[in-house]
Amino acid sequence: MDKIIITELIATGIVGVEHPERDFPQELIINAEINYDLSKIEKSDDIQDGISYSYIAKMIRQLVSESSFFTLEALGVFLIEQIFTNSTAQAIRMRIEKEKFVKKTRRVGVEIYRERPL
């Protein structure tokens, strides 16, 4: 399956269960692999026939900044649902991480994979 890749996108928003996580926006590191059929855009070379990674990246940053979730899991599923709604994506793998949040770790996070609902 063909895919576009967005690597280490920085998005800022409120995500966390309790104080101090909910007191201020945090930087999240987001990676996304968006699977879709590239056959139309490969022939036309017209972005209108594909999925714009710039559009997806801007949408993710905006959605994260406007949201307030308790868990990365809920945020991730929400973002995936929005990508399905606003694109022709057939499947999405998304990883969302917080840097230096848990003592003695570089990053902690979740990875979610979903296929477009039939």
PDB file of N, CA and C in Angstrom:
ATOM      1  N   MET A   1       0.848  -1.191   0.000  1.00  0.00           N
ATOM      2  CA  MET A   1       0.000   0.000   0.000  1.00  0.00           C
ATOM      3  C   MET A   1       0.880   1.236   0.000  1.00  0.00           C
ATOM      4  N   ASP A   2       0.520   2.197  -0.817  1.00  0.00           N
ATOM      5  CA  ASP A   2       1.231   3.470  -0.887  1.00  0.00           C
ATOM      6  C   ASP A   2       0.900   4.298   0.354  1.00  0.00           C
ATOM      7  N   LYS A   3       1.794   5.215   0.697  1.00  0.00           N
ATOM      8  CA  LYS A   3       1.514   6.039   1.870  1.00  0.00           C
ATOM      9  C   LYS A   3       2.299   7.334   1.828  1.00  0.00           C
ATOM     10  N   ILE A   4       1.769   8.313   2.554  1.00  0.00           N
ATOM     11  CA  ILE A   4       2.542   9.517   2.837  1.00  0.00           C
ATOM     12  C   ILE A   4       2.980   9.415   4.286  1.00  0.00           C
ATOM     13  N   ILE A   5       4.082  10.070   4.595  1.00  0.00           N
ATOM     14  CA  ILE A   5       4.663   9.974   5.931  1.00  0.00           C
ATOM     15  C   ILE A   5       4.880  11.371   6.485  1.00  0.00           C
ATOM     16  N   ILE A   6       4.458  11.568   7.718  1.00  0.00           N
ATOM     17  CA  ILE A   6       4.730  12.811   8.437  1.00  0.00           C
ATOM     18  C   ILE A   6       5.539  12.401   9.664  1.00  0.00           C
ATOM     19  N   THR A   7       6.738  12.962   9.788  1.00  0.00           N
ATOM     20  CA  THR A   7       7.659  12.531  10.830  1.00  0.00           C
ATOM     21  C   THR A   7       7.964  13.653  11.814  1.00  0.00           C
ATOM     22  N   GLU A   8       7.800  13.339  13.083  1.00  0.00           N
ATOM     23  CA  GLU A   8       8.144  14.220  14.196  1.00  0.00           C
ATOM     24  C   GLU A   8       7.529  15.613  14.094  1.00  0.00           C
ATOM     25  N   LEU A   9       6.252  15.624  13.783  1.00  0.00           N
ATOM     26  CA  LEU A   9       5.482  16.867  13.792  1.00  0.00           C
ATOM     27  C   LEU A   9       5.314  17.307  15.249  1.00  0.00           C
ATOM     28  N   ILE A  10       5.597  18.547  15.530  1.00  0.00           N
ATOM     29  CA  ILE A  10       5.419  19.090  16.877  1.00  0.00           C
ATOM     30  C   ILE A  10       4.069  19.798  16.927  1.00  0.00           C
ATOM     31  N   ALA A  11       3.232  19.349  17.866  1.00  0.00           N
ATOM     32  CA  ALA A  11       1.927  19.976  18.083  1.00  0.00           C
ATOM     33  C   ALA A  11       1.799  20.260  19.579  1.00  0.00           C
ATOM     34  N   THR A  12       1.159  21.348  19.910  1.00  0.00           N
ATOM     35  CA  THR A  12       1.057  21.770  21.307  1.00  0.00           C
ATOM     36  C   THR A  12      -0.399  21.786  21.741  1.00  0.00           C
ATOM     37  N   GLY A  13      -0.672  21.142  22.886  1.00  0.00           N
ATOM     38  CA  GLY A  13      -2.039  21.112  23.404  1.00  0.00           C
ATOM     39  C   GLY A  13      -2.096  20.580  24.821  1.00  0.00           C
ATOM     40  N   ILE A  14      -3.285  20.589  25.365  1.00  0.00           N
ATOM     41  CA  ILE A  14      -3.524  20.081  26.721  1.00  0.00           C
ATOM     42  C   ILE A  14      -3.853  18.595  26.631  1.00  0.00           C
ATOM     43  N   VAL A  15      -3.004  17.773  27.230  1.00  0.00           N
ATOM     44  CA  VAL A  15      -3.253  16.335  27.313  1.00  0.00           C
ATOM     45  C   VAL A  15      -2.698  15.865  28.638  1.00  0.00           C
ATOM     46  N   GLY A  16      -3.536  15.241  29.433  1.00  0.00           N
ATOM     47  CA  GLY A  16      -3.074  14.715  30.711  1.00  0.00           C
ATOM     48  C   GLY A  16      -4.230  14.469  31.645  1.00  0.00           C
ATOM     49  N   VAL A  17      -3.953  13.676  32.640  1.00  0.00           N
ATOM     50  CA  VAL A  17      -4.994  13.246  33.567  1.00  0.00           C
ATOM     51  C   VAL A  17      -5.206  14.255  34.690  1.00  0.00           C
ATOM     52  N   GLU A  18      -4.131  14.804  35.218  1.00  0.00           N
ATOM     53  CA  GLU A  18      -4.281  15.696  36.373  1.00  0.00           C
ATOM     54  C   GLU A  18      -3.183  16.750  36.394  1.00  0.00           C
ATOM     55  N   HIS A  19      -3.199  17.560  37.419  1.00  0.00           N
ATOM     56  CA  HIS A  19      -2.194  18.590  37.636  1.00  0.00           C
ATOM     57  C   HIS A  19      -0.822  17.905  37.713  1.00  0.00           C
ATOM     58  N   PRO A  20       0.245  18.394  37.164  1.00  0.00           N
ATOM     59  CA  PRO A  20       0.389  19.651  36.443  1.00  0.00           C
ATOM     60  C   PRO A  20       0.180  19.526  34.929  1.00  0.00           C
ATOM     61  N   GLU A  21      -0.097  18.310  34.436  1.00  0.00           N
ATOM     62  CA  GLU A  21      -0.247  18.109  32.986  1.00  0.00           C
ATOM     63  C   GLU A  21      -1.334  18.976  32.371  1.00  0.00           C
ATOM     64  N   ARG A  22      -2.416  19.188  33.094  1.00  0.00           N
ATOM     65  CA  ARG A  22      -3.558  19.910  32.541  1.00  0.00           C
ATOM     66  C   ARG A  22      -3.431  21.422  32.723  1.00  0.00           C
ATOM     67  N   ASP A  23      -2.385  21.859  33.389  1.00  0.00           N
ATOM     68  CA  ASP A  23      -2.232  23.285  33.694  1.00  0.00           C
ATOM     69  C   ASP A  23      -1.673  24.106  32.541  1.00  0.00           C
ATOM     70  N   PHE A  24      -1.003  23.455  31.591  1.00  0.00           N
ATOM     71  CA  PHE A  24      -0.375  24.199  30.507  1.00  0.00           C
ATOM     72  C   PHE A  24      -0.246  23.299  29.276  1.00  0.00           C
ATOM     73  N   PRO A  25      -0.245  23.887  28.105  1.00  0.00           N
ATOM     74  CA  PRO A  25      -0.065  23.086  26.889  1.00  0.00           C
ATOM     75  C   PRO A  25       1.318  22.431  26.865  1.00  0.00           C
ATOM     76  N   GLN A  26       1.351  21.226  26.321  1.00  0.00           N
ATOM     77  CA  GLN A  26       2.598  20.480  26.202  1.00  0.00           C
ATOM     78  C   GLN A  26       2.905  20.227  24.735  1.00  0.00           C
ATOM     79  N   GLU A  27       4.183  20.100  24.430  1.00  0.00           N
ATOM     80  CA  GLU A  27       4.576  19.720  23.083  1.00  0.00           C
ATOM     81  C   GLU A  27       4.442  18.209  22.939  1.00  0.00           C
ATOM     82  N   LEU A  28       3.792  17.803  21.871  1.00  0.00           N
ATOM     83  CA  LEU A  28       3.661  16.392  21.540  1.00  0.00           C
ATOM     84  C   LEU A  28       4.403  16.148  20.234  1.00  0.00           C
ATOM     85  N   ILE A  29       4.976  14.974  20.099  1.00  0.00           N
ATOM     86  CA  ILE A  29       5.669  14.588  18.874  1.00  0.00           C
ATOM     87  C   ILE A  29       4.777  13.568  18.170  1.00  0.00           C
ATOM     88  N   ILE A  30       4.381  13.884  16.951  1.00  0.00           N
ATOM     89  CA  ILE A  30       3.417  13.049  16.238  1.00  0.00           C
ATOM     90  C   ILE A  30       4.028  12.543  14.929  1.00  0.00           C
ATOM     91  N   ASN A  31       3.913  11.241  14.729  1.00  0.00           N
ATOM     92  CA  ASN A  31       4.323  10.594  13.486  1.00  0.00           C
ATOM     93  C   ASN A  31       3.081   9.951  12.889  1.00  0.00           C
ATOM     94  N   ALA A  32       2.917  10.096  11.586  1.00  0.00           N
ATOM     95  CA  ALA A  32       1.747   9.510  10.926  1.00  0.00           C
ATOM     96  C   ALA A  32       2.148   8.878   9.603  1.00  0.00           C
ATOM     97  N   GLU A  33       1.602   7.705   9.363  1.00  0.00           N
ATOM     98  CA  GLU A  33       1.694   7.044   8.064  1.00  0.00           C
ATOM     99  C   GLU A  33       0.274   6.921   7.555  1.00  0.00           C
ATOM    100  N   ILE A  34       0.011   7.526   6.413  1.00  0.00           N
ATOM    101  CA  ILE A  34      -1.341   7.574   5.875  1.00  0.00           C
ATOM    102  C   ILE A  34      -1.352   6.802   4.559  1.00  0.00           C
ATOM    103  N   ASN A  35      -2.013   5.660   4.577  1.00  0.00           N
ATOM    104  CA  ASN A  35      -2.077   4.788   3.412  1.00  0.00           C
ATOM    105  C   ASN A  35      -3.238   5.194   2.509  1.00  0.00           C
ATOM    106  N   TYR A  36      -2.934   5.298   1.213  1.00  0.00           N
ATOM    107  CA  TYR A  36      -3.984   5.551   0.225  1.00  0.00           C
ATOM    108  C   TYR A  36      -3.464   5.187  -1.151  1.00  0.00           C
ATOM    109  N   ASP A  37      -4.363   5.091  -2.079  1.00  0.00           N
ATOM    110  CA  ASP A  37      -4.029   4.705  -3.445  1.00  0.00           C
ATOM    111  C   ASP A  37      -3.454   5.909  -4.191  1.00  0.00           C
ATOM    112  N   LEU A  38      -2.187   5.831  -4.569  1.00  0.00           N
ATOM    113  CA  LEU A  38      -1.516   6.934  -5.257  1.00  0.00           C
ATOM    114  C   LEU A  38      -1.678   6.896  -6.780  1.00  0.00           C
ATOM    115  N   SER A  39      -2.412   5.928  -7.293  1.00  0.00           N
ATOM    116  CA  SER A  39      -2.446   5.742  -8.752  1.00  0.00           C
ATOM    117  C   SER A  39      -2.975   6.964  -9.509  1.00  0.00           C
ATOM    118  N   LYS A  40      -3.919   7.683  -8.941  1.00  0.00           N
ATOM    119  CA  LYS A  40      -4.466   8.848  -9.637  1.00  0.00           C
ATOM    120  C   LYS A  40      -3.464  10.006  -9.678  1.00  0.00           C
ATOM    121  N   ILE A  41      -2.845  10.311  -8.541  1.00  0.00           N
ATOM    122  CA  ILE A  41      -1.910  11.437  -8.484  1.00  0.00           C
ATOM    123  C   ILE A  41      -0.607  11.130  -9.224  1.00  0.00           C
ATOM    124  N   GLU A  42      -0.215   9.868  -9.264  1.00  0.00           N
ATOM    125  CA  GLU A  42       1.031   9.549  -9.983  1.00  0.00           C
ATOM    126  C   GLU A  42       0.901   9.801 -11.481  1.00  0.00           C
ATOM    127  N   LYS A  43      -0.331   9.705 -11.988  1.00  0.00           N
ATOM    128  CA  LYS A  43      -0.563   9.965 -13.410  1.00  0.00           C
ATOM    129  C   LYS A  43      -0.771  11.450 -13.699  1.00  0.00           C
ATOM    130  N   SER A  44      -1.504  12.125 -12.792  1.00  0.00           N
ATOM    131  CA  SER A  44      -1.849  13.529 -13.053  1.00  0.00           C
ATOM    132  C   SER A  44      -0.794  14.512 -12.561  1.00  0.00           C
ATOM    133  N   ASP A  45      -0.047  14.118 -11.512  1.00  0.00           N
ATOM    134  CA  ASP A  45       0.914  15.015 -10.864  1.00  0.00           C
ATOM    135  C   ASP A  45       0.220  16.270 -10.335  1.00  0.00           C
ATOM    136  N   ASP A  46      -1.033  16.112  -9.924  1.00  0.00           N
ATOM    137  CA  ASP A  46      -1.851  17.222  -9.420  1.00  0.00           C
ATOM    138  C   ASP A  46      -2.240  16.911  -7.975  1.00  0.00           C
ATOM    139  N   ILE A  47      -1.870  17.778  -7.050  1.00  0.00           N
ATOM    140  CA  ILE A  47      -2.129  17.552  -5.623  1.00  0.00           C
ATOM    141  C   ILE A  47      -3.615  17.353  -5.333  1.00  0.00           C
ATOM    142  N   GLN A  48      -4.475  17.877  -6.166  1.00  0.00           N
ATOM    143  CA  GLN A  48      -5.916  17.690  -5.976  1.00  0.00           C
ATOM    144  C   GLN A  48      -6.316  16.218  -6.092  1.00  0.00           C
ATOM    145  N   ASP A  49      -5.468  15.413  -6.696  1.00  0.00           N
ATOM    146  CA  ASP A  49      -5.743  13.982  -6.848  1.00  0.00           C
ATOM    147  C   ASP A  49      -5.091  13.141  -5.755  1.00  0.00           C
ATOM    148  N   GLY A  50      -4.527  13.797  -4.764  1.00  0.00           N
ATOM    149  CA  GLY A  50      -3.841  13.070  -3.692  1.00  0.00           C
ATOM    150  C   GLY A  50      -4.217  13.606  -2.328  1.00  0.00           C
ATOM    151  N   ILE A  51      -3.388  13.301  -1.365  1.00  0.00           N
ATOM    152  CA  ILE A  51      -3.550  13.812  -0.006  1.00  0.00           C
ATOM    153  C   ILE A  51      -2.360  14.725   0.263  1.00  0.00           C
ATOM    154  N   SER A  52      -2.623  15.963   0.612  1.00  0.00           N
ATOM    155  CA  SER A  52      -1.574  16.929   0.900  1.00  0.00           C
ATOM    156  C   SER A  52      -1.045  16.719   2.315  1.00  0.00           C
ATOM    157  N   TYR A  53       0.227  16.346   2.431  1.00  0.00           N
ATOM    158  CA  TYR A  53       0.794  16.167   3.763  1.00  0.00           C
ATOM    159  C   TYR A  53       0.854  17.492   4.502  1.00  0.00           C
ATOM    160  N   SER A  54       0.980  18.602   3.763  1.00  0.00           N
ATOM    161  CA  SER A  54       0.962  19.919   4.395  1.00  0.00           C
ATOM    162  C   SER A  54      -0.403  20.188   5.037  1.00  0.00           C
ATOM    163  N   TYR A  55      -1.472  19.890   4.299  1.00  0.00           N
ATOM    164  CA  TYR A  55      -2.830  20.063   4.827  1.00  0.00           C
ATOM    165  C   TYR A  55      -3.035  19.198   6.072  1.00  0.00           C
ATOM    166  N   ILE A  56      -2.618  17.939   6.010  1.00  0.00           N
ATOM    167  CA  ILE A  56      -2.792  17.024   7.147  1.00  0.00           C
ATOM    168  C   ILE A  56      -1.999  17.528   8.352  1.00  0.00           C
ATOM    169  N   ALA A  57      -0.752  17.950   8.147  1.00  0.00           N
ATOM    170  CA  ALA A  57       0.075  18.442   9.256  1.00  0.00           C
ATOM    171  C   ALA A  57      -0.544  19.673   9.911  1.00  0.00           C
ATOM    172  N   LYS A  58      -1.023  20.613   9.101  1.00  0.00           N
ATOM    173  CA  LYS A  58      -1.669  21.812   9.651  1.00  0.00           C
ATOM    174  C   LYS A  58      -2.934  21.446  10.409  1.00  0.00           C
ATOM    175  N   MET A  59      -3.713  20.517   9.866  1.00  0.00           N
ATOM    176  CA  MET A  59      -4.941  20.093  10.527  1.00  0.00           C
ATOM    177  C   MET A  59      -4.629  19.462  11.883  1.00  0.00           C
ATOM    178  N   ILE A  60      -3.626  18.589  11.935  1.00  0.00           N
ATOM    179  CA  ILE A  60      -3.261  17.944  13.195  1.00  0.00           C
ATOM    180  C   ILE A  60      -2.851  18.992  14.217  1.00  0.00           C
ATOM    181  N   ARG A  61      -1.981  19.924  13.830  1.00  0.00           N
ATOM    182  CA  ARG A  61      -1.540  20.960  14.782  1.00  0.00           C
ATOM    183  C   ARG A  61      -2.728  21.775  15.299  1.00  0.00           C
ATOM    184  N   GLN A  62      -3.632  22.138  14.408  1.00  0.00           N
ATOM    185  CA  GLN A  62      -4.789  22.932  14.827  1.00  0.00           C
ATOM    186  C   GLN A  62      -5.694  22.136  15.769  1.00  0.00           C
ATOM    187  N   LEU A  63      -5.986  20.890  15.411  1.00  0.00           N
ATOM    188  CA  LEU A  63      -6.859  20.063  16.248  1.00  0.00           C
ATOM    189  C   LEU A  63      -6.264  19.830  17.635  1.00  0.00           C
ATOM    190  N   VAL A  64      -4.965  19.591  17.700  1.00  0.00           N
ATOM    191  CA  VAL A  64      -4.314  19.389  18.999  1.00  0.00           C
ATOM    192  C   VAL A  64      -4.386  20.667  19.825  1.00  0.00           C
ATOM    193  N   SER A  65      -4.139  21.802  19.209  1.00  0.00           N
ATOM    194  CA  SER A  65      -4.142  23.071  19.958  1.00  0.00           C
ATOM    195  C   SER A  65      -5.528  23.425  20.485  1.00  0.00           C
ATOM    196  N   GLU A  66      -6.572  22.962  19.805  1.00  0.00           N
ATOM    197  CA  GLU A  66      -7.945  23.287  20.208  1.00  0.00           C
ATOM    198  C   GLU A  66      -8.559  22.239  21.122  1.00  0.00           C
ATOM    199  N   SER A  67      -7.872  21.134  21.334  1.00  0.00           N
ATOM    200  CA  SER A  67      -8.469  20.027  22.095  1.00  0.00           C
ATOM    201  C   SER A  67      -7.957  19.994  23.532  1.00  0.00           C
ATOM    202  N   SER A  68      -8.619  19.182  24.330  1.00  0.00           N
ATOM    203  CA  SER A  68      -8.214  18.975  25.721  1.00  0.00           C
ATOM    204  C   SER A  68      -8.613  17.557  26.111  1.00  0.00           C
ATOM    205  N   PHE A  69      -7.721  16.609  25.869  1.00  0.00           N
ATOM    206  CA  PHE A  69      -7.988  15.204  26.176  1.00  0.00           C
ATOM    207  C   PHE A  69      -7.249  14.790  27.436  1.00  0.00           C
ATOM    208  N   PHE A  70      -7.767  13.782  28.094  1.00  0.00           N
ATOM    209  CA  PHE A  70      -7.080  13.226  29.253  1.00  0.00           C
ATOM    210  C   PHE A  70      -5.996  12.239  28.825  1.00  0.00           C
ATOM    211  N   THR A  71      -6.207  11.516  27.715  1.00  0.00           N
ATOM    212  CA  THR A  71      -5.253  10.489  27.304  1.00  0.00           C
ATOM    213  C   THR A  71      -4.770  10.692  25.874  1.00  0.00           C
ATOM    214  N   LEU A  72      -3.559  10.241  25.624  1.00  0.00           N
ATOM    215  CA  LEU A  72      -3.026  10.247  24.266  1.00  0.00           C
ATOM    216  C   LEU A  72      -3.821   9.310  23.380  1.00  0.00           C
ATOM    217  N   GLU A  73      -4.332   8.229  23.961  1.00  0.00           N
ATOM    218  CA  GLU A  73      -5.126   7.274  23.199  1.00  0.00           C
ATOM    219  C   GLU A  73      -6.371   7.934  22.604  1.00  0.00           C
ATOM    220  N   ALA A  74      -7.101   8.670  23.417  1.00  0.00           N
ATOM    221  CA  ALA A  74      -8.310   9.344  22.928  1.00  0.00           C
ATOM    222  C   ALA A  74      -7.965  10.414  21.902  1.00  0.00           C
ATOM    223  N   LEU A  75      -6.904  11.155  22.144  1.00  0.00           N
ATOM    224  CA  LEU A  75      -6.470  12.167  21.182  1.00  0.00           C
ATOM    225  C   LEU A  75      -6.101  11.517  19.855  1.00  0.00           C
ATOM    226  N   GLY A  76      -5.360  10.423  19.907  1.00  0.00           N
ATOM    227  CA  GLY A  76      -4.935   9.743  18.684  1.00  0.00           C
ATOM    228  C   GLY A  76      -6.096   9.253  17.845  1.00  0.00           C
ATOM    229  N   VAL A  77      -7.069   8.630  18.481  1.00  0.00           N
ATOM    230  CA  VAL A  77      -8.240   8.130  17.749  1.00  0.00           C
ATOM    231  C   VAL A  77      -9.026   9.303  17.161  1.00  0.00           C
ATOM    232  N   PHE A  78      -9.160  10.384  17.903  1.00  0.00           N
ATOM    233  CA  PHE A  78      -9.835  11.579  17.401  1.00  0.00           C
ATOM    234  C   PHE A  78      -9.131  12.112  16.154  1.00  0.00           C
ATOM    235  N   LEU A  79      -7.806  12.226  16.194  1.00  0.00           N
ATOM    236  CA  LEU A  79      -7.061  12.732  15.044  1.00  0.00           C
ATOM    237  C   LEU A  79      -7.225  11.822  13.831  1.00  0.00           C
ATOM    238  N   ILE A  80      -7.157  10.525  14.049  1.00  0.00           N
ATOM    239  CA  ILE A  80      -7.335   9.569  12.951  1.00  0.00           C
ATOM    240  C   ILE A  80      -8.723   9.711  12.341  1.00  0.00           C
ATOM    241  N   GLU A  81      -9.752   9.820  13.170  1.00  0.00           N
ATOM    242  CA  GLU A  81     -11.117   9.984  12.658  1.00  0.00           C
ATOM    243  C   GLU A  81     -11.233  11.252  11.808  1.00  0.00           C
ATOM    244  N   GLN A  82     -10.571  12.323  12.235  1.00  0.00           N
ATOM    245  CA  GLN A  82     -10.620  13.573  11.482  1.00  0.00           C
ATOM    246  C   GLN A  82      -9.899  13.446  10.140  1.00  0.00           C
ATOM    247  N   ILE A  83      -8.805  12.710  10.115  1.00  0.00           N
ATOM    248  CA  ILE A  83      -8.093  12.496   8.851  1.00  0.00           C
ATOM    249  C   ILE A  83      -8.963  11.677   7.901  1.00  0.00           C
ATOM    250  N   PHE A  84      -9.623  10.636   8.419  1.00  0.00           N
ATOM    251  CA  PHE A  84     -10.535   9.852   7.571  1.00  0.00           C
ATOM    252  C   PHE A  84     -11.648  10.744   7.017  1.00  0.00           C
ATOM    253  N   THR A  85     -12.198  11.612   7.849  1.00  0.00           N
ATOM    254  CA  THR A  85     -13.297  12.485   7.435  1.00  0.00           C
ATOM    255  C   THR A  85     -12.858  13.463   6.348  1.00  0.00           C
ATOM    256  N   ASN A  86     -11.612  13.911   6.412  1.00  0.00           N
ATOM    257  CA  ASN A  86     -11.148  14.976   5.527  1.00  0.00           C
ATOM    258  C   ASN A  86     -10.187  14.524   4.428  1.00  0.00           C
ATOM    259  N   SER A  87     -10.135  13.217   4.179  1.00  0.00           N
ATOM    260  CA  SER A  87      -9.231  12.728   3.133  1.00  0.00           C
ATOM    261  C   SER A  87      -9.721  11.371   2.612  1.00  0.00           C
ATOM    262  N   THR A  88      -8.976  10.854   1.657  1.00  0.00           N
ATOM    263  CA  THR A  88      -9.290   9.534   1.099  1.00  0.00           C
ATOM    264  C   THR A  88      -8.412   8.444   1.708  1.00  0.00           C
ATOM    265  N   ALA A  89      -7.834   8.721   2.860  1.00  0.00           N
ATOM    266  CA  ALA A  89      -6.966   7.737   3.517  1.00  0.00           C
ATOM    267  C   ALA A  89      -7.696   6.414   3.697  1.00  0.00           C
ATOM    268  N   GLN A  90      -6.963   5.324   3.475  1.00  0.00           N
ATOM    269  CA  GLN A  90      -7.539   3.992   3.638  1.00  0.00           C
ATOM    270  C   GLN A  90      -7.147   3.359   4.960  1.00  0.00           C
ATOM    271  N   ALA A  91      -5.978   3.736   5.480  1.00  0.00           N
ATOM    272  CA  ALA A  91      -5.509   3.251   6.778  1.00  0.00           C
ATOM    273  C   ALA A  91      -4.512   4.266   7.322  1.00  0.00           C
ATOM    274  N   ILE A  92      -4.430   4.337   8.653  1.00  0.00           N
ATOM    275  CA  ILE A  92      -3.546   5.314   9.291  1.00  0.00           C
ATOM    276  C   ILE A  92      -2.861   4.664  10.482  1.00  0.00           C
ATOM    277  N   ARG A  93      -1.558   4.860  10.562  1.00  0.00           N
ATOM    278  CA  ARG A  93      -0.792   4.500  11.756  1.00  0.00           C
ATOM    279  C   ARG A  93      -0.281   5.811  12.335  1.00  0.00           C
ATOM    280  N   MET A  94      -0.576   6.037  13.615  1.00  0.00           N
ATOM    281  CA  MET A  94      -0.172   7.285  14.252  1.00  0.00           C
ATOM    282  C   MET A  94       0.506   6.987  15.579  1.00  0.00           C
ATOM    283  N   ARG A  95       1.613   7.675  15.790  1.00  0.00           N
ATOM    284  CA  ARG A  95       2.337   7.581  17.059  1.00  0.00           C
ATOM    285  C   ARG A  95       2.357   8.973  17.674  1.00  0.00           C
ATOM    286  N   ILE A  96       1.957   9.056  18.945  1.00  0.00           N
ATOM    287  CA  ILE A  96       1.977  10.335  19.666  1.00  0.00           C
ATOM    288  C   ILE A  96       2.814  10.124  20.922  1.00  0.00           C
ATOM    289  N   GLU A  97       3.792  11.018  21.104  1.00  0.00           N
ATOM    290  CA  GLU A  97       4.697  10.870  22.240  1.00  0.00           C
ATOM    291  C   GLU A  97       4.875  12.186  22.986  1.00  0.00           C
ATOM    292  N   LYS A  98       5.159  12.041  24.291  1.00  0.00           N
ATOM    293  CA  LYS A  98       5.549  13.164  25.131  1.00  0.00           C
ATOM    294  C   LYS A  98       7.033  12.958  25.439  1.00  0.00           C
ATOM    295  N   GLU A  99       7.789  14.033  25.335  1.00  0.00           N
ATOM    296  CA  GLU A  99       9.219  13.954  25.588  1.00  0.00           C
ATOM    297  C   GLU A  99       9.537  14.198  27.053  1.00  0.00           C
ATOM    298  N   LYS A 100      10.468  13.414  27.579  1.00  0.00           N
ATOM    299  CA  LYS A 100      10.996  13.590  28.940  1.00  0.00           C
ATOM    300  C   LYS A 100       9.895  13.764  29.973  1.00  0.00           C
ATOM    301  N   PHE A 101       8.821  13.016  29.798  1.00  0.00           N
ATOM    302  CA  PHE A 101       7.700  13.160  30.724  1.00  0.00           C
ATOM    303  C   PHE A 101       7.812  12.195  31.900  1.00  0.00           C
ATOM    304  N   VAL A 102       8.176  10.970  31.617  1.00  0.00           N
ATOM    305  CA  VAL A 102       8.350   9.972  32.665  1.00  0.00           C
ATOM    306  C   VAL A 102       9.835   9.904  33.006  1.00  0.00           C
ATOM    307  N   LYS A 103      10.129   9.940  34.267  1.00  0.00           N
ATOM    308  CA  LYS A 103      11.501   9.935  34.741  1.00  0.00           C
ATOM    309  C   LYS A 103      12.298   8.801  34.109  1.00  0.00           C
ATOM    310  N   LYS A 104      13.501   9.127  33.673  1.00  0.00           N
ATOM    311  CA  LYS A 104      14.459   8.188  33.079  1.00  0.00           C
ATOM    312  C   LYS A 104      13.997   7.606  31.744  1.00  0.00           C
ATOM    313  N   THR A 105      13.160   8.369  31.024  1.00  0.00           N
ATOM    314  CA  THR A 105      12.788   7.986  29.661  1.00  0.00           C
ATOM    315  C   THR A 105      12.983   9.203  28.751  1.00  0.00           C
ATOM    316  N   ARG A 106      13.215   8.941  27.485  1.00  0.00           N
ATOM    317  CA  ARG A 106      13.257  10.041  26.519  1.00  0.00           C
ATOM    318  C   ARG A 106      11.860  10.423  26.096  1.00  0.00           C
ATOM    319  N   ARG A 107      11.069   9.397  25.789  1.00  0.00           N
ATOM    320  CA  ARG A 107       9.704   9.628  25.322  1.00  0.00           C
ATOM    321  C   ARG A 107       8.807   8.501  25.807  1.00  0.00           C
ATOM    322  N   VAL A 108       7.544   8.840  25.991  1.00  0.00           N
ATOM    323  CA  VAL A 108       6.492   7.850  26.226  1.00  0.00           C
ATOM    324  C   VAL A 108       5.341   8.194  25.301  1.00  0.00           C
ATOM    325  N   GLY A 109       4.547   7.203  24.950  1.00  0.00           N
ATOM    326  CA  GLY A 109       3.434   7.517  24.062  1.00  0.00           C
ATOM    327  C   GLY A 109       2.651   6.295  23.642  1.00  0.00           C
ATOM    328  N   VAL A 110       1.875   6.487  22.585  1.00  0.00           N
ATOM    329  CA  VAL A 110       1.028   5.425  22.043  1.00  0.00           C
ATOM    330  C   VAL A 110       1.195   5.362  20.534  1.00  0.00           C
ATOM    331  N   GLU A 111       0.921   4.186  19.993  1.00  0.00           N
ATOM    332  CA  GLU A 111       0.856   4.014  18.546  1.00  0.00           C
ATOM    333  C   GLU A 111      -0.465   3.334  18.243  1.00  0.00           C
ATOM    334  N   ILE A 112      -1.206   3.922  17.311  1.00  0.00           N
ATOM    335  CA  ILE A 112      -2.551   3.451  16.984  1.00  0.00           C
ATOM    336  C   ILE A 112      -2.625   3.176  15.485  1.00  0.00           C
ATOM    337  N   TYR A 113      -3.268   2.085  15.124  1.00  0.00           N
ATOM    338  CA  TYR A 113      -3.479   1.764  13.715  1.00  0.00           C
ATOM    339  C   TYR A 113      -4.969   1.547  13.495  1.00  0.00           C
ATOM    340  N   ARG A 114      -5.492   2.223  12.485  1.00  0.00           N
ATOM    341  CA  ARG A 114      -6.907   2.048  12.127  1.00  0.00           C
ATOM    342  C   ARG A 114      -7.048   1.991  10.620  1.00  0.00           C
ATOM    343  N   GLU A 115      -8.006   1.192  10.169  1.00  0.00           N
ATOM    344  CA  GLU A 115      -8.386   1.155   8.769  1.00  0.00           C
ATOM    345  C   GLU A 115      -9.700   1.900   8.621  1.00  0.00           C
ATOM    346  N   ARG A 116      -9.901   2.483   7.449  1.00  0.00           N
ATOM    347  CA  ARG A 116     -11.132   3.231   7.203  1.00  0.00           C
ATOM    348  C   ARG A 116     -12.330   2.318   7.453  1.00  0.00           C
ATOM    349  N   PRO A 117     -13.275   2.790   8.248  1.00  0.00           N
ATOM    350  CA  PRO A 117     -14.498   1.991   8.467  1.00  0.00           C
ATOM    351  C   PRO A 117     -15.233   1.773   7.152  1.00  0.00           C
ATOM    352  N   LEU A 118     -15.800   0.594   6.995  1.00  0.00           N
ATOM    353  CA  LEU A 118     -16.538   0.284   5.766  1.00  0.00           C
ATOM    354  C   LEU A 118     -17.893   0.961   5.729  1.00  0.00           C
TER     355      LEU A 118
END
